[in-house]
Amino acid sequence: MEKFGTSQSVKRTEDQRFLTGQGRYIDDAIPENALFAAFFRSPVAHAKIISVDVEAAQAADGVKLVLTYDDLLAAGIDTKLNATIVSNRDGSRAADPARHMLAKDRVRFVGEPVAVVIAETAMQSRDAVELIWMETEDLPAKLDVDSGGEPLHSEAPDNRAFDWGMGDEAATEAAFQAAPHKVQLSVADNRAIITSIEPRGCQASWSDGRLHFAYGGQGVWAMRGQLAQKLKLEPETIRVTTPDVGGGFGMKVMPYPEYFCVSVAAMKLQQPVHWMSDRSEAMLSDHHGRDLTSLAELAFDEDHRITAYRVHSKVNLGAYNSHFGQAIQTNLFSKVLMGAYDVQTTYLRVEGYYTNTTQVDAYRGAGRPEAIYVLERVMDRAARELGVDPWELRRKNFIRPEAFPYKTATGETYDVGDFNMVLSRAGEQVQGFVDRKAIDAERGLIRGQGLCYYIESILGDPSENAKIEFCEDGPVNLYVGTQSNGQGHETAYTQFLSDQTGIPMDQINIIQGDSDQLPNGGGTGGSRSVTVQNTATLATIDVMIAAFTPYLADKMGVEEADVSFDHETFRAPGSNLTPTLTEAAEMARTDGRTDLLQHEARITLDARSFPNGAHVAEIVINSYTGETWVDRYTVIDDFGNLINPMLAEGQVHGGVVQGIGQALSERVVYDAQGQLLTASLMDYALPHAAEIPMIKFTSAPVPSTTNPMGMKGCGEAGTVGALAAVANAVQDALWDHGVRQADMPFTPLRVWELLTHGSVAAD
C-alpha cells in the first residue's frame, strides 16, 4: 500500500526566514561592482519616432553605456520577442507584427521601452534617462476593441489581430433556432494590473564565456532558452538563477524586454548590471490581465436542460502580441468553456484587437477565470429569466458522476467529479441567508447572494525533474524544477519527501531556481507545481529505493527480492539490520559507493487534473452611498487528496482576495490620449485586509486518477470561482431594484449610479 501524504496542516517552514527579514530577493543580492540600468520609456501612447537623442545621457556623470534599438541590432542579437500565434477561423495565421526589445520606428503604448542607460549608481542612471530627448510625430490613440481607428501595425490594418473559432457553428445555430428558451447576457471582464508585492527585476554578469542571469521569475529553464535564442548563445553557456520571489501570478512567467537589454549590457561592459523597476514603472510595463467583453448565449429545452452554448468575445490584446496573449482568451478560455455542465453543442468565437495600451497576458488562471466568469454570469441570468432556482438549474445540468471520464466539446477529458455532492456541501454551510437579508433591509442595507460553480483545467508543462542528494553529515537536498513565488513549496515538498521516506523534515533542503542544478524543469504556472513536482519526487524515490536494494541485500545477507522499504526503514526476513535511508546513505559513503548518494528521475503526466468547487458570496450594499462589501464567503473545493490542507486553504484565500479585488475595486483606466491614470497605488484600488471577510474553506475530495497521489492543483482556483460569485451576489442584490446589467468593478459610485439611474455613466 503506497502512502501519498499525511494531509497534515504543517506550518510553513520558510516563513521563519521571511518574517525575520532573511528572505533574499533580487534587490537584496546586488553583485559586487554592479552597474545600474534605467529605462527611457515612451511618454506618449502612439507616435512615429523621428529621432532619439542620447548624446547628453551618454555624457552624463557615471554613465557607461546607452543602448537603443540600433545598438541591439548592431550587437547581432534577435530583437523580436516571441509570441504565440493562433489560426483564424478561415485557417489563415493571425497577425504577427514585430515587438522589439526597444522601440524601433514607432511607440505604441505609454511605458514602452525606447532606450536603456547603464551607470555606476541607480541615481545616475535615472538622472541620465531624463536627458534623453525623443522627437515624435504623434498619432491618434486607439483604446476600444472594435475595428478601425489609426492602425497600430501594417499586418493588421483594421487593428484586428485574429478572428478565432472553436466548435460547430452550424449545429449550435440550429440548436438555438429549435430551442423553446434562449437567454443571453453581455459580460465585461475589466482589465487588472497584477501588482505583485515585489516588482520585476533582474541582473546579469558575463565571466569566462558564460552569462549568469538572475531574475524574479517563475522558472529558469524557459528563460535560459529564450536568452540562448535571442542572444545567439549556446544554452550551456548560460546559467539562470532565481532567488526568493515576492509574487508572480503568471505575470512573471514570460520574458520581458528589460531582461535581454540588461544581458546585452553586461556582456558589452564585462561588468554586472542590475535593474529593478519601481511601482509606477511596473504598472506601466508589466503585462496586465483580463480585459474582454463577451456575449454569452444559452439555449434550453422545455425541462430547462441546456441544449447549446455560444460565446462571442472581443479581447483587448494591448499594443502587441505578448508571449501568450493570443492563446489566453482562445485556447485556454476554451479548456473550461462549458464548465461542469453536460452540453456538447457549443461554439466559441474570439476576436482580438490591438490598442495603444500595455499588453495583456496571463493572470492567475489565464483564460479559465474569464471563461467561468462568463458562463456562471449567464447561468445566473438564465435562472432569473426562466424563473427557477439558480442552484437547481446547475444541479439539473451537471455532468453526472457515472458519466466520467467525460470528454467535453472542446476536447478536455474530465477524469472524475461529483459536482452535486460538492454543491450540496456548500448549501449546508450557507443557511440563514433569507433571515440575514431581512435584518439588513430594516437597516437600509441590501444583501445579495451569489453562487459560482467552477472547474479548472490544470495547465503548464506535464513533465518534471527531481533529484535527491545525500550530503555529508546528514542533510538531504531535494532539487526541483518548479519555482516558488510565495506558495509554500518548501514546506509542501519537504513534507512529502519526509512522509515517503522517513527522512526528518529538518534535514531536507529544497534547492530550486538554478538551471545548472537540473537538466530541465517546467517552472511554476497553471497550478502545476505540487502535483507534477511531487510525482517527479515519487519517481525519484522509486529509483533511489531500487538502487539501494541490492546494496543493502548484500549487507543484510539476504536475497534482493526479500528486501522491502516501509517508507521509513529497509527490512528483510532473517536480518536484524533495519537502516533508514539516511543510515543507508552513510553506509554507502563509508564504502565508497558515491553512486548511491545521488538519484534523479523525470516524469510526464499523461493527463491533467480538474479541480472544481462551489463559491458562495454574500455582499451587502449601502443603498444611500453605493458602498458594497463582501460580508460572508464560503468555498467548498474538490482538490482531490491534499498534502497540506493549510497551504491549500492559503492558496484559496489569496485567489479569492484577488477575485474580490477585481470585482469590487480594481480597474485600469486610460485617458483619451492613452495615458495610464491608475499608475500608482494611490489611484489603483487594491483591496485592503479590512475589506475582506473570513473565508470559510472546506475540502470535499474526489481523488484524481491522472496522477499517483490523486491530487488536483489548487493555486488558481480561488480566483476562478470568485469573480462570478461576487458579481452574481451584486446582481442578486440589485435585481429587485430594476437593475439588469451590472458589470465589474462594483465601486460605490458605479453601484450608486445603478441604484439611482439604472445604468452607469460613460467614463
Foldseek 3Di string as FASTA:
>chain_A
DADFFPQAFDDFPCVVCVVVVNFQAQVNCADPQAWEKDFQWDQFLKWWWPDKDLVQLCPFPFWDDKDFPVNLVVLVFAFFDAADWDAAPVRHTFFADGDGLADDGMHHATLGTGMMIIGRDNVSRVVSSVVMDIDTGGAFFFDDLDFDDCDLDPSRRRQWRHKHKDADPVVQVVLQVPFPDKFKDKFWFFKFQQCFVFFWKKKWAADPQAIEIEIQAQFFPVVLVSLCRGSVHDSVRYKYFYGAARDDQPQRHDDHSVRNVNRVVNVVVNHMYIYGDDQLSRSQAGAMADGKMKMKMFGAHPVLATAEIEIEMGHEFEARRDHHSVVQQHVLLVQQQVFQFDYQHYMYIYIYGYGSGHGHAGGQQRNLLVNQQNNQQRLLVVCVVVVHDSLVSCVVGGDDQVCPQDAHNRGAGAHGDHAVVQSVVVVVVPPDPVVVQVVQVVVQKFKFKFKGWGKGWQDFAQKWKWKWFADPPQAIEIETREHDNPLSVLPLLLSRLCQQAVRDSVRYDYHYGICVPDVHHGGDDRLPGNQRGSLQVVVQVVVLCVVLQVVVCVVQVHDSVQWDGPNAWIDGPPGPDTDGPNRSLVVCVVVVVNVSRMTMGMDGFPHTHMKIWMKMWMKMANQVQLDIATAAIEIEIAFADDNHVNSLVVLLVVLLQVLLQFAAFAHWDAPSRNHTPQSDCVRGPRDDPVRDYDYHYHYDYDFDPRGPSSGHRRNRVNNSGNNRRVQSRLCRRCVVLPADDDHDRSYRQQSNCCSVPVGGDDD
